[in-house]
Amino acid sequence: MKRFQKAALCAAAVLLLDQLTKFWAIQGLVFGRSAPLIPGVFHLTLTYNKGVAFGMLAKAGDRAAIAALAALIVLAISFLRSDGRSGGRSESQLTVWAMGLILGGAVGNLIDRWRVGAVVDFLDFRVWPVFNVADSAITAGACL
């Protein structure tokens, strides 16, 4: 399997899992009401993030600009090499998987912005802002 195919497969898996869990959250949770799974530690809390990471710029009011910026980032990631330049050079396996994680997560959150006007978040550990599967994939990819 070629590196691009691996990254695309990883991105598709992240996107599918992200969108399925968000669909479930929208259908099964009540906005703003917390459902404790491990009381005080892990709750499911449906929220909508109209800003960027951790709700920053949520009051800026320009969702179209935020969505356009996210789309540009997705396009840029699609063409980047591991050394930060565009082109077709082969990346390491770790970089391929990292890019797949980031791309899948970014597309998942971008779909939310277009579909509902905000990113759907529902994983609530009480010591961190509420997040979703896409956010987790983006963070894991960035760490890789």
C-alpha atoms as a PDB file:
ATOM      1  CA  MET A   1       0.000   0.000   0.000  1.00  0.00           C
ATOM      2  CA  LYS A   2       1.386   3.403  -0.968  1.00  0.00           C
ATOM      3  CA  ARG A   3       1.955   6.076   1.644  1.00  0.00           C
ATOM      4  CA  PHE A   4      -0.809   8.292   0.269  1.00  0.00           C
ATOM      5  CA  GLN A   5      -3.241   5.377   0.476  1.00  0.00           C
ATOM      6  CA  LYS A   6      -2.260   4.733   4.097  1.00  0.00           C
ATOM      7  CA  ALA A   7      -2.786   8.374   5.028  1.00  0.00           C
ATOM      8  CA  ALA A   8      -6.106   8.455   3.159  1.00  0.00           C
ATOM      9  CA  LEU A   9      -7.274   5.231   4.844  1.00  0.00           C
ATOM     10  CA  CYS A  10      -6.326   6.604   8.261  1.00  0.00           C
ATOM     11  CA  ALA A  11      -8.088   9.901   7.515  1.00  0.00           C
ATOM     12  CA  ALA A  12     -11.210   8.069   6.303  1.00  0.00           C
ATOM     13  CA  ALA A  13     -11.309   5.894   9.445  1.00  0.00           C
ATOM     14  CA  VAL A  14     -10.963   8.949  11.707  1.00  0.00           C
ATOM     15  CA  LEU A  15     -13.620  10.807   9.720  1.00  0.00           C
ATOM     16  CA  LEU A  16     -16.076   7.895   9.897  1.00  0.00           C
ATOM     17  CA  LEU A  17     -15.580   7.348  13.633  1.00  0.00           C
ATOM     18  CA  ASP A  18     -15.793  11.090  14.295  1.00  0.00           C
ATOM     19  CA  GLN A  19     -18.999  11.620  12.331  1.00  0.00           C
ATOM     20  CA  LEU A  20     -20.673   8.496  13.746  1.00  0.00           C
ATOM     21  CA  THR A  21     -19.918   9.509  17.337  1.00  0.00           C
ATOM     22  CA  LYS A  22     -21.102  13.083  16.709  1.00  0.00           C
ATOM     23  CA  PHE A  23     -24.326  11.793  15.137  1.00  0.00           C
ATOM     24  CA  TRP A  24     -24.851   9.597  18.184  1.00  0.00           C
ATOM     25  CA  ALA A  25     -24.129  12.531  20.527  1.00  0.00           C
ATOM     26  CA  ILE A  26     -26.625  14.806  18.751  1.00  0.00           C
ATOM     27  CA  GLN A  27     -29.307  12.099  18.773  1.00  0.00           C
ATOM     28  CA  GLY A  28     -28.690  10.737  22.265  1.00  0.00           C
ATOM     29  CA  LEU A  29     -27.606  13.659  24.435  1.00  0.00           C
ATOM     30  CA  VAL A  30     -29.410  16.800  25.571  1.00  0.00           C
ATOM     31  CA  PHE A  31     -27.541  20.028  24.838  1.00  0.00           C
ATOM     32  CA  GLY A  32     -25.808  21.341  27.952  1.00  0.00           C
ATOM     33  CA  ARG A  33     -26.905  18.442  30.177  1.00  0.00           C
ATOM     34  CA  SER A  34     -24.120  16.213  31.434  1.00  0.00           C
ATOM     35  CA  ALA A  35     -24.415  12.438  31.496  1.00  0.00           C
ATOM     36  CA  PRO A  36     -21.835  11.108  33.974  1.00  0.00           C
ATOM     37  CA  LEU A  37     -20.153   7.821  33.047  1.00  0.00           C
ATOM     38  CA  ILE A  38     -17.588   8.100  35.840  1.00  0.00           C
ATOM     39  CA  PRO A  39     -19.035  10.805  38.115  1.00  0.00           C
ATOM     40  CA  GLY A  40     -16.670  13.735  38.571  1.00  0.00           C
ATOM     41  CA  VAL A  41     -14.180  12.256  36.090  1.00  0.00           C
ATOM     42  CA  PHE A  42     -15.750  11.481  32.700  1.00  0.00           C
ATOM     43  CA  HIS A  43     -19.066  12.803  31.445  1.00  0.00           C
ATOM     44  CA  LEU A  44     -20.789  13.090  28.088  1.00  0.00           C
ATOM     45  CA  THR A  45     -21.833  16.711  27.579  1.00  0.00           C
ATOM     46  CA  LEU A  46     -23.156  17.936  24.243  1.00  0.00           C
ATOM     47  CA  THR A  47     -21.818  21.372  23.337  1.00  0.00           C
ATOM     48  CA  TYR A  48     -21.300  23.342  20.135  1.00  0.00           C
ATOM     49  CA  ASN A  49     -18.003  25.178  19.650  1.00  0.00           C
ATOM     50  CA  LYS A  50     -18.435  28.143  17.303  1.00  0.00           C
ATOM     51  CA  GLY A  51     -14.839  29.240  17.730  1.00  0.00           C
ATOM     52  CA  VAL A  52     -11.550  27.509  17.098  1.00  0.00           C
ATOM     53  CA  ALA A  53      -9.546  25.395  19.559  1.00  0.00           C
ATOM     54  CA  PHE A  54     -10.999  25.513  23.086  1.00  0.00           C
ATOM     55  CA  GLY A  55     -13.634  28.036  22.010  1.00  0.00           C
ATOM     56  CA  MET A  56     -11.185  30.821  21.144  1.00  0.00           C
ATOM     57  CA  LEU A  57     -12.663  33.389  18.733  1.00  0.00           C
ATOM     58  CA  ALA A  58     -16.168  32.085  19.444  1.00  0.00           C
ATOM     59  CA  LYS A  59     -17.450  35.637  19.794  1.00  0.00           C
ATOM     60  CA  ALA A  60     -15.753  36.812  16.615  1.00  0.00           C
ATOM     61  CA  GLY A  61     -18.967  35.970  14.783  1.00  0.00           C
ATOM     62  CA  ASP A  62     -17.347  35.154  11.465  1.00  0.00           C
ATOM     63  CA  ARG A  63     -17.979  31.444  11.105  1.00  0.00           C
ATOM     64  CA  ALA A  64     -17.430  31.616   7.344  1.00  0.00           C
ATOM     65  CA  ALA A  65     -13.893  32.936   7.857  1.00  0.00           C
ATOM     66  CA  ILE A  66     -13.122  30.217  10.420  1.00  0.00           C
ATOM     67  CA  ALA A  67     -14.484  27.528   8.069  1.00  0.00           C
ATOM     68  CA  ALA A  68     -12.466  28.953   5.157  1.00  0.00           C
ATOM     69  CA  LEU A  69      -9.322  28.946   7.286  1.00  0.00           C
ATOM     70  CA  ALA A  70      -9.971  25.318   8.286  1.00  0.00           C
ATOM     71  CA  ALA A  71     -10.471  24.368   4.631  1.00  0.00           C
ATOM     72  CA  LEU A  72      -7.168  26.017   3.694  1.00  0.00           C
ATOM     73  CA  ILE A  73      -5.405  24.118   6.468  1.00  0.00           C
ATOM     74  CA  VAL A  74      -6.885  20.830   5.198  1.00  0.00           C
ATOM     75  CA  LEU A  75      -5.629  21.608   1.678  1.00  0.00           C
ATOM     76  CA  ALA A  76      -2.187  22.570   2.967  1.00  0.00           C
ATOM     77  CA  ILE A  77      -1.859  19.370   4.997  1.00  0.00           C
ATOM     78  CA  SER A  78      -2.827  17.358   1.923  1.00  0.00           C
ATOM     79  CA  PHE A  79       0.215  18.672   0.060  1.00  0.00           C
ATOM     80  CA  LEU A  80       2.874  18.912   2.774  1.00  0.00           C
ATOM     81  CA  ARG A  81       5.965  16.774   3.052  1.00  0.00           C
ATOM     82  CA  SER A  82       7.620  15.906   6.329  1.00  0.00           C
ATOM     83  CA  ASP A  83      10.220  18.649   5.849  1.00  0.00           C
ATOM     84  CA  GLY A  84       7.480  21.249   5.476  1.00  0.00           C
ATOM     85  CA  ARG A  85       7.770  21.820   1.720  1.00  0.00           C
ATOM     86  CA  SER A  86       5.228  20.753  -0.859  1.00  0.00           C
ATOM     87  CA  GLY A  87       6.006  18.006  -3.297  1.00  0.00           C
ATOM     88  CA  GLY A  88       6.099  14.275  -3.736  1.00  0.00           C
ATOM     89  CA  ARG A  89       9.031  13.166  -1.561  1.00  0.00           C
ATOM     90  CA  SER A  90       8.383  10.077   0.537  1.00  0.00           C
ATOM     91  CA  GLU A  91       7.612  10.700   4.184  1.00  0.00           C
ATOM     92  CA  SER A  92       8.387   8.428   7.100  1.00  0.00           C
ATOM     93  CA  GLN A  93       5.652   5.999   8.153  1.00  0.00           C
ATOM     94  CA  LEU A  94       5.101   8.011  11.324  1.00  0.00           C
ATOM     95  CA  THR A  95       4.582  11.200   9.334  1.00  0.00           C
ATOM     96  CA  VAL A  96       2.152   9.443   7.004  1.00  0.00           C
ATOM     97  CA  TRP A  97       0.000   8.265   9.913  1.00  0.00           C
ATOM     98  CA  ALA A  98       0.278  11.645  11.642  1.00  0.00           C
ATOM     99  CA  MET A  99      -0.919  13.442   8.517  1.00  0.00           C
ATOM    100  CA  GLY A 100      -3.790  10.954   8.169  1.00  0.00           C
ATOM    101  CA  LEU A 101      -4.888  11.606  11.756  1.00  0.00           C
ATOM    102  CA  ILE A 102      -4.683  15.378  11.360  1.00  0.00           C
ATOM    103  CA  LEU A 103      -6.406  15.378   7.988  1.00  0.00           C
ATOM    104  CA  GLY A 104      -9.261  13.115   9.137  1.00  0.00           C
ATOM    105  CA  GLY A 105      -9.822  15.207  12.256  1.00  0.00           C
ATOM    106  CA  ALA A 106      -9.668  18.510  10.404  1.00  0.00           C
ATOM    107  CA  VAL A 107     -12.162  17.332   7.784  1.00  0.00           C
ATOM    108  CA  GLY A 108     -14.479  15.992  10.511  1.00  0.00           C
ATOM    109  CA  ASN A 109     -14.582  19.345  12.283  1.00  0.00           C
ATOM    110  CA  LEU A 110     -14.903  21.190   8.978  1.00  0.00           C
ATOM    111  CA  ILE A 111     -17.971  19.097   8.080  1.00  0.00           C
ATOM    112  CA  ASP A 112     -19.529  20.144  11.410  1.00  0.00           C
ATOM    113  CA  ARG A 113     -18.912  23.815  10.662  1.00  0.00           C
ATOM    114  CA  TRP A 114     -20.667  23.475   7.303  1.00  0.00           C
ATOM    115  CA  ARG A 115     -23.446  21.183   8.537  1.00  0.00           C
ATOM    116  CA  VAL A 116     -24.403  22.730  11.906  1.00  0.00           C
ATOM    117  CA  GLY A 117     -22.436  25.987  12.019  1.00  0.00           C
ATOM    118  CA  ALA A 118     -20.214  24.838  14.896  1.00  0.00           C
ATOM    119  CA  VAL A 119     -18.072  21.881  15.948  1.00  0.00           C
ATOM    120  CA  VAL A 120     -19.949  19.219  17.923  1.00  0.00           C
ATOM    121  CA  ASP A 121     -18.136  18.364  21.175  1.00  0.00           C
ATOM    122  CA  PHE A 122     -19.236  15.817  23.788  1.00  0.00           C
ATOM    123  CA  LEU A 123     -16.267  14.162  25.585  1.00  0.00           C
ATOM    124  CA  ASP A 124     -15.982  15.871  28.958  1.00  0.00           C
ATOM    125  CA  PHE A 125     -13.210  14.967  31.401  1.00  0.00           C
ATOM    126  CA  ARG A 126     -14.004  17.958  33.636  1.00  0.00           C
ATOM    127  CA  VAL A 127     -10.367  19.158  33.765  1.00  0.00           C
ATOM    128  CA  TRP A 128     -10.173  20.055  30.077  1.00  0.00           C
ATOM    129  CA  PRO A 129     -12.542  21.736  27.638  1.00  0.00           C
ATOM    130  CA  VAL A 130     -15.141  19.412  26.093  1.00  0.00           C
ATOM    131  CA  PHE A 131     -13.806  17.820  22.879  1.00  0.00           C
ATOM    132  CA  ASN A 132     -14.516  15.132  20.256  1.00  0.00           C
ATOM    133  CA  VAL A 133     -12.884  12.276  18.310  1.00  0.00           C
ATOM    134  CA  ALA A 134     -11.595  14.649  15.609  1.00  0.00           C
ATOM    135  CA  ASP A 135      -9.891  16.824  18.226  1.00  0.00           C
ATOM    136  CA  SER A 136      -8.249  13.727  19.700  1.00  0.00           C
ATOM    137  CA  ALA A 137      -6.983  12.633  16.275  1.00  0.00           C
ATOM    138  CA  ILE A 138      -5.599  16.093  15.506  1.00  0.00           C
ATOM    139  CA  THR A 139      -3.807  16.191  18.857  1.00  0.00           C
ATOM    140  CA  ALA A 140      -2.398  12.658  18.454  1.00  0.00           C
ATOM    141  CA  GLY A 141      -1.248  13.473  14.912  1.00  0.00           C
ATOM    142  CA  ALA A 142       0.441  16.672  16.044  1.00  0.00           C
ATOM    143  CA  CYS A 143       2.212  14.771  18.842  1.00  0.00           C
ATOM    144  CA  LEU A 144       3.449  12.152  16.363  1.00  0.00           C
END
